[in-house]
């Protein structure tokens, strides 16, 4: 059985929009490129044709990936998130006790994770350690950089 893909509503919407764009816009664009490349004649040495076919393959693979994610999606209703403890769909403010630095993360499913945008997966070491914690809790996380300690300062809705 396929693994459930936990998504926030925002993540679900983003995937649906990307799927729509791939199916409606990008498919037409690439089929036009293939058509134009075919009209140039000999396909055996036609770089534009090969590039367009590669792009078509990539688009179809991404469509398949998104459809599989959506088929197994479980959407977290962020308005119903319990703010007593950390769970998927909430935003947390934590204190890195070693560097005395405050960090803010949104806890999301692995499909939406993007550390550069402050979205960490519930399956990541830090995300896994934070799940279920309450304000005031100190958690310790074993990472590649060693053992890190964080204090939970605040839990809030992410939207």
Protein backbone atom coordinates (compact mmCIF):
# COMPACT_ATOMS: atom_id res chain seq x y z
CA UNK A 1 0.00 0.00 0.00
CA UNK A 2 1.26 3.48 -0.86
CA UNK A 3 2.30 5.81 1.94
CA UNK A 4 -0.12 8.61 2.85
CA UNK A 5 1.09 12.02 1.70
CA UNK A 6 0.27 14.52 4.40
CA UNK A 7 -0.38 17.96 2.93
CA UNK A 8 -1.55 21.30 4.19
CA UNK A 9 -4.33 22.93 2.18
CA UNK A 10 -1.74 25.35 0.75
CA UNK A 11 0.43 22.43 -0.39
CA UNK A 12 -2.57 20.65 -1.93
CA UNK A 13 -3.57 23.77 -3.85
CA UNK A 14 -0.01 24.29 -5.11
CA UNK A 15 0.18 20.71 -6.44
CA UNK A 16 -3.27 20.97 -8.08
CA UNK A 17 -2.23 24.22 -9.78
CA UNK A 18 1.05 22.70 -11.00
CA UNK A 19 -0.81 19.65 -12.34
CA UNK A 20 -3.30 21.87 -14.18
CA UNK A 21 -0.46 23.92 -15.69
CA UNK A 22 1.42 20.80 -16.80
CA UNK A 23 -1.66 19.23 -18.39
CA UNK A 24 -3.14 22.33 -20.02
CA UNK A 25 -0.21 24.61 -20.85
CA UNK A 26 3.05 22.66 -20.84
CA UNK A 27 1.72 19.66 -22.81
CA UNK A 28 0.57 21.99 -25.61
CA UNK A 29 3.87 23.86 -25.63
CA UNK A 30 5.96 20.71 -25.90
CA UNK A 31 3.73 19.12 -28.54
CA UNK A 32 4.13 22.32 -30.59
CA UNK A 33 7.93 22.08 -30.19
CA UNK A 34 7.84 18.44 -31.35
CA UNK A 35 5.67 19.37 -34.33
CA UNK A 36 8.03 22.19 -35.35
CA UNK A 37 11.08 19.94 -34.96
CA UNK A 38 9.44 17.22 -37.09
CA UNK A 39 8.86 19.73 -39.86
CA UNK A 40 12.62 20.30 -40.05
CA UNK A 41 13.04 16.88 -41.63
CA UNK A 42 15.55 14.19 -40.63
CA UNK A 43 14.83 13.25 -36.98
CA UNK A 44 18.00 11.18 -36.52
CA UNK A 45 20.17 14.29 -36.15
CA UNK A 46 17.58 16.75 -34.88
CA UNK A 47 18.64 18.13 -31.48
CA UNK A 48 15.45 20.19 -31.09
CA UNK A 49 13.34 17.08 -31.57
CA UNK A 50 15.38 15.10 -29.01
CA UNK A 51 15.20 17.97 -26.50
CA UNK A 52 11.43 18.33 -26.98
CA UNK A 53 10.91 14.57 -26.53
CA UNK A 54 13.03 14.67 -23.33
CA UNK A 55 10.98 17.61 -22.06
CA UNK A 56 7.77 15.74 -22.89
CA UNK A 57 9.00 12.70 -20.95
CA UNK A 58 9.87 14.90 -17.95
CA UNK A 59 6.44 16.58 -18.00
CA UNK A 60 4.63 13.24 -18.18
CA UNK A 61 6.75 11.85 -15.32
CA UNK A 62 5.97 14.89 -13.15
CA UNK A 63 2.25 14.60 -13.96
CA UNK A 64 2.37 10.95 -12.89
CA UNK A 65 4.23 11.87 -9.66
CA UNK A 66 1.73 14.59 -8.74
CA UNK A 67 -1.26 12.36 -9.50
CA UNK A 68 0.20 9.65 -7.24
CA UNK A 69 0.78 12.18 -4.44
CA UNK A 70 -2.76 13.56 -4.76
CA UNK A 71 -4.29 10.07 -4.89
CA UNK A 72 -2.76 9.30 -1.49
CA UNK A 73 -3.13 12.79 -0.03
CA UNK A 74 -4.36 13.39 3.47
CA UNK A 75 -5.06 17.09 4.01
CA UNK A 76 -4.46 18.64 7.41
CA UNK A 77 -7.14 21.18 8.24
CA UNK A 78 -4.98 23.88 9.78
CA UNK A 79 -7.92 25.62 11.50
CA UNK A 80 -8.50 22.42 13.49
CA UNK A 81 -4.88 21.96 14.61
CA UNK A 82 -4.59 21.58 18.38
CA UNK A 83 -2.31 24.38 19.60
CA UNK A 84 -1.55 22.66 22.93
CA UNK A 85 1.07 20.48 21.23
CA UNK A 86 3.05 20.59 18.00
CA UNK A 87 1.53 18.79 15.03
CA UNK A 88 1.57 18.98 11.25
CA UNK A 89 0.16 22.24 9.96
CA UNK A 90 1.30 24.50 12.77
CA UNK A 91 4.04 27.08 12.96
CA UNK A 92 6.51 26.85 15.83
CA UNK A 93 9.02 29.23 17.31
CA UNK A 94 11.91 27.45 18.98
CA UNK A 95 15.14 28.49 20.65
CA UNK A 96 18.38 26.86 19.52
CA UNK A 97 19.95 26.52 22.96
CA UNK A 98 23.53 26.20 21.70
CA UNK A 99 23.51 29.38 19.59
CA UNK A 100 20.81 31.24 21.60
CA UNK A 101 18.99 31.84 18.32
CA UNK A 102 15.25 31.82 17.71
CA UNK A 103 14.03 29.80 14.73
CA UNK A 104 10.60 29.61 13.19
CA UNK A 105 9.36 26.60 11.25
CA UNK A 106 6.15 25.38 9.73
CA UNK A 107 5.69 21.64 10.24
CA UNK A 108 4.51 20.03 6.99
CA UNK A 109 4.36 16.61 5.36
CA UNK A 110 7.46 15.42 3.50
CA UNK A 111 5.96 16.34 0.10
CA UNK A 112 5.91 20.06 1.01
CA UNK A 113 9.17 20.30 2.94
CA UNK A 114 11.44 23.18 1.92
CA UNK A 115 13.99 24.19 4.53
CA UNK A 116 14.87 27.37 2.63
CA UNK A 117 11.27 28.54 3.15
CA UNK A 118 11.15 27.41 6.78
CA UNK A 119 9.00 24.35 6.07
CA UNK A 120 10.32 21.21 7.73
CA UNK A 121 8.97 17.72 7.33
CA UNK A 122 7.34 15.81 10.14
CA UNK A 123 9.72 12.99 9.08
CA UNK A 124 12.93 15.05 9.45
CA UNK A 125 14.95 14.58 12.68
CA UNK A 126 13.93 18.01 14.04
CA UNK A 127 10.33 17.70 12.82
CA UNK A 128 9.96 14.22 14.32
CA UNK A 129 11.36 15.42 17.67
CA UNK A 130 9.06 18.47 17.73
CA UNK A 131 5.82 16.57 17.02
CA UNK A 132 3.85 16.24 20.25
CA UNK A 133 5.97 18.76 22.19
CA UNK A 134 4.39 21.57 24.18
CA UNK A 135 5.43 25.17 24.88
CA UNK A 136 8.29 25.11 27.39
CA UNK A 137 9.49 21.61 26.43
CA UNK A 138 13.16 21.13 25.67
CA UNK A 139 13.86 18.56 22.99
CA UNK A 140 17.14 16.99 21.97
CA UNK A 141 17.74 15.99 18.37
CA UNK A 142 20.47 13.70 17.09
CA UNK A 143 21.66 15.11 13.75
CA UNK A 144 24.69 14.75 11.50
CA UNK A 145 26.04 17.88 13.21
CA UNK A 146 25.76 16.21 16.62
CA UNK A 147 23.20 16.56 19.37
CA UNK A 148 21.13 19.75 19.25
CA UNK A 149 18.76 21.09 21.91
CA UNK A 150 15.75 23.28 21.29
CA UNK A 151 13.21 24.88 23.61
CA UNK A 152 9.67 25.29 22.29
CA UNK A 153 8.69 28.95 22.69
CA UNK A 154 5.41 29.24 20.79
CA UNK A 155 2.93 27.16 18.78
CA UNK A 156 0.54 28.94 16.41
CA UNK A 157 -1.65 28.40 13.38
CA UNK A 158 0.32 28.76 10.19
CA UNK A 159 -2.29 30.74 8.28
